[in-house]
Amino acid sequence: MRKNPSVKPIAQNRQAYHDYFVLEKFEAGIELAGTEVKSVRMGRVNLKDSFCSVDGGQLLVKGMHISPYEQGNIFNRDPMRTRRLLMHKKEILRLYGQVRQDGCTIVPLSVYLKGPLVKVQIGLCKGKKLYDKRQAAAERDAERSIRRRLAENNA
């Protein structure tokens, strides 16, 4: 019987939750070089402005910045290179169909370690309009003021 591997979060894409409605979430492996894995383990990953695309039946992540490993010298790769995500072919084709038909986009939401493996959580997302963002901000402010009032009454 296998133990449940521990999950250690490395990086989050908070901007994605602000800009998009996340319809579905998926877990994917990522193809990395050795020095990139060491850099990821040190937490030197930035997901801001990154996105995924399907090219030639493969799921690729573009715009993900993994800082060069200091002790890597000649083995370091380009920090902004396109990296391949590892998923089953049926899942990739299903995502591609959703992107083509519904006008959705695929966005990396987080990078984490699952045991010894580096995993990427991707989301099938639909873009928010400006009024959706304003409404979400108003709901957050209202909830915050309610919590503040409750805390004042309890104190």
Protein backbone atom coordinates (compact mmCIF):
# COMPACT_ATOMS: atom_id res chain seq x y z
CA MET A 1 0.00 0.00 0.00
CA ARG A 2 1.41 3.38 -1.05
CA LYS A 3 1.59 6.33 1.28
CA ASN A 4 -0.06 9.56 0.21
CA PRO A 5 2.85 11.77 -0.90
CA SER A 6 3.16 15.12 0.80
CA VAL A 7 2.25 18.19 -1.23
CA LYS A 8 4.48 21.26 -0.81
CA PRO A 9 3.33 24.44 -2.61
CA ILE A 10 6.05 26.36 -4.48
CA ALA A 11 4.31 29.17 -6.42
CA GLN A 12 0.76 30.48 -6.92
CA ASN A 13 -0.71 32.51 -9.76
CA ARG A 14 -3.02 34.82 -7.78
CA GLN A 15 -3.51 37.09 -10.79
CA ALA A 16 -5.27 34.25 -12.63
CA TYR A 17 -8.04 34.14 -10.01
CA HIS A 18 -8.48 37.90 -10.40
CA ASP A 19 -8.60 37.88 -14.21
CA TYR A 20 -10.46 34.60 -14.91
CA PHE A 21 -13.30 32.36 -13.76
CA VAL A 22 -11.70 28.94 -13.16
CA LEU A 23 -14.11 26.37 -14.61
CA GLU A 24 -12.03 23.22 -14.09
CA LYS A 25 -8.66 22.30 -12.58
CA PHE A 26 -6.20 19.67 -13.77
CA GLU A 27 -2.89 18.30 -12.53
CA ALA A 28 -0.03 17.93 -15.00
CA GLY A 29 3.60 16.95 -14.77
CA ILE A 30 6.22 19.23 -16.27
CA GLU A 31 9.31 18.39 -18.30
CA LEU A 32 12.32 20.13 -16.68
CA ALA A 33 16.11 20.00 -16.92
CA GLY A 34 18.13 19.05 -13.82
CA THR A 35 19.15 22.57 -12.84
CA GLU A 36 15.57 23.77 -13.31
CA VAL A 37 14.34 21.18 -10.80
CA LYS A 38 16.88 22.43 -8.25
CA SER A 39 15.76 26.00 -8.84
CA VAL A 40 12.09 25.01 -8.46
CA ARG A 41 12.86 23.25 -5.17
CA MET A 42 14.40 26.52 -3.95
CA GLY A 43 11.11 28.27 -4.84
CA ARG A 44 12.47 30.43 -7.64
CA VAL A 45 9.43 30.21 -9.95
CA ASN A 46 7.22 33.01 -11.26
CA LEU A 47 3.87 32.22 -12.93
CA LYS A 48 2.82 35.80 -13.65
CA ASP A 49 1.76 36.30 -17.30
CA SER A 50 2.18 32.59 -18.08
CA PHE A 51 -0.29 30.65 -20.19
CA CYS A 52 -0.68 27.25 -21.84
CA SER A 53 -1.31 26.31 -25.45
CA VAL A 54 -1.81 23.11 -27.42
CA ASP A 55 0.65 22.77 -30.31
CA GLY A 56 0.93 19.58 -32.33
CA GLY A 57 -0.99 17.53 -29.77
CA GLN A 58 1.30 18.63 -26.92
CA LEU A 59 0.41 20.94 -24.05
CA LEU A 60 3.03 23.68 -23.64
CA VAL A 61 3.44 26.32 -20.94
CA LYS A 62 4.81 29.67 -22.09
CA GLY A 63 5.94 32.65 -20.05
CA MET A 64 6.81 30.67 -16.89
CA HIS A 65 10.02 32.07 -15.40
CA ILE A 66 12.33 29.65 -13.58
CA SER A 67 15.41 31.51 -12.36
CA PRO A 68 18.81 30.01 -13.28
CA TYR A 69 20.41 27.82 -10.61
CA GLU A 70 23.52 29.59 -9.25
CA GLN A 71 25.74 26.50 -9.18
CA GLY A 72 24.47 25.31 -12.58
CA ASN A 73 26.98 27.27 -14.76
CA ILE A 74 26.94 25.73 -18.30
CA PHE A 75 23.94 23.46 -17.61
CA ASN A 76 21.48 26.32 -17.03
CA ARG A 77 18.69 26.78 -19.55
CA ASP A 78 16.86 29.89 -20.73
CA PRO A 79 14.60 30.99 -17.81
CA MET A 80 11.66 31.82 -20.12
CA ARG A 81 11.84 28.81 -22.44
CA THR A 82 8.70 26.93 -23.47
CA ARG A 83 8.21 23.81 -21.36
CA ARG A 84 6.09 20.74 -22.09
CA LEU A 85 3.34 19.69 -19.71
CA LEU A 86 2.70 15.97 -19.30
CA MET A 87 -0.93 14.84 -19.48
CA HIS A 88 -2.85 12.01 -21.12
CA LYS A 89 -3.62 12.55 -24.81
CA LYS A 90 -7.40 12.34 -24.19
CA GLU A 91 -7.21 15.10 -21.57
CA ILE A 92 -5.17 17.32 -23.88
CA LEU A 93 -7.62 16.82 -26.76
CA ARG A 94 -10.57 17.56 -24.45
CA LEU A 95 -8.90 20.79 -23.28
CA TYR A 96 -8.12 21.75 -26.87
CA GLY A 97 -11.77 21.24 -27.86
CA GLN A 98 -12.93 23.46 -24.98
CA VAL A 99 -10.48 26.19 -25.95
CA ARG A 100 -11.54 26.09 -29.62
CA GLN A 101 -15.31 26.03 -29.04
CA ASP A 102 -16.01 27.96 -25.84
CA GLY A 103 -13.35 30.66 -26.07
CA CYS A 104 -11.70 29.48 -22.87
CA THR A 105 -8.01 29.61 -22.08
CA ILE A 106 -5.64 27.35 -20.16
CA VAL A 107 -3.72 29.05 -17.35
CA PRO A 108 -1.18 27.59 -14.87
CA LEU A 109 -2.56 28.19 -11.36
CA SER A 110 0.18 26.78 -9.15
CA VAL A 111 3.43 24.79 -9.05
CA TYR A 112 3.98 22.32 -6.23
CA LEU A 113 6.03 19.30 -5.20
CA LYS A 114 4.13 16.04 -4.84
CA GLY A 115 6.64 13.73 -3.24
CA PRO A 116 9.76 13.97 -5.42
CA LEU A 117 7.81 15.15 -8.50
CA VAL A 118 7.18 18.70 -9.70
CA LYS A 119 3.52 19.19 -10.65
CA VAL A 120 1.62 22.09 -12.21
CA GLN A 121 -2.03 22.76 -11.52
CA ILE A 122 -3.65 24.19 -14.63
CA GLY A 123 -7.11 25.62 -14.96
CA LEU A 124 -9.58 25.84 -17.80
CA CYS A 125 -10.57 29.49 -17.46
CA LYS A 126 -12.97 32.01 -18.93
CA GLY A 127 -12.04 35.70 -18.85
CA LYS A 128 -13.75 38.10 -16.46
CA LYS A 129 -15.21 41.37 -17.68
CA LEU A 130 -14.46 44.61 -15.82
CA TYR A 131 -17.86 44.59 -14.09
CA ASP A 132 -17.22 41.02 -12.84
CA LYS A 133 -13.96 42.18 -11.26
CA ARG A 134 -15.72 45.14 -9.61
CA GLN A 135 -18.46 42.88 -8.26
CA ALA A 136 -15.91 40.43 -6.80
CA ALA A 137 -14.03 43.32 -5.14
CA ALA A 138 -17.30 44.68 -3.67
CA GLU A 139 -18.18 41.23 -2.26
CA ARG A 140 -14.72 40.93 -0.67
CA ASP A 141 -15.02 44.40 0.90
CA ALA A 142 -18.49 43.63 2.27
CA GLU A 143 -17.32 40.34 3.77
CA ARG A 144 -14.29 42.05 5.31
CA SER A 145 -16.44 44.78 6.93
CA ILE A 146 -18.86 42.16 8.32
CA ARG A 147 -15.94 40.24 9.89
CA ARG A 148 -14.55 43.49 11.32
CA ARG A 149 -17.93 44.40 12.89
CA LEU A 150 -18.31 40.92 14.38
CA ALA A 151 -14.81 41.15 15.84
CA GLU A 152 -15.65 44.59 17.38
CA ASN A 153 -18.85 43.23 18.93
CA ASN A 154 -17.08 40.19 20.42
CA ALA A 155 -14.27 42.29 21.91
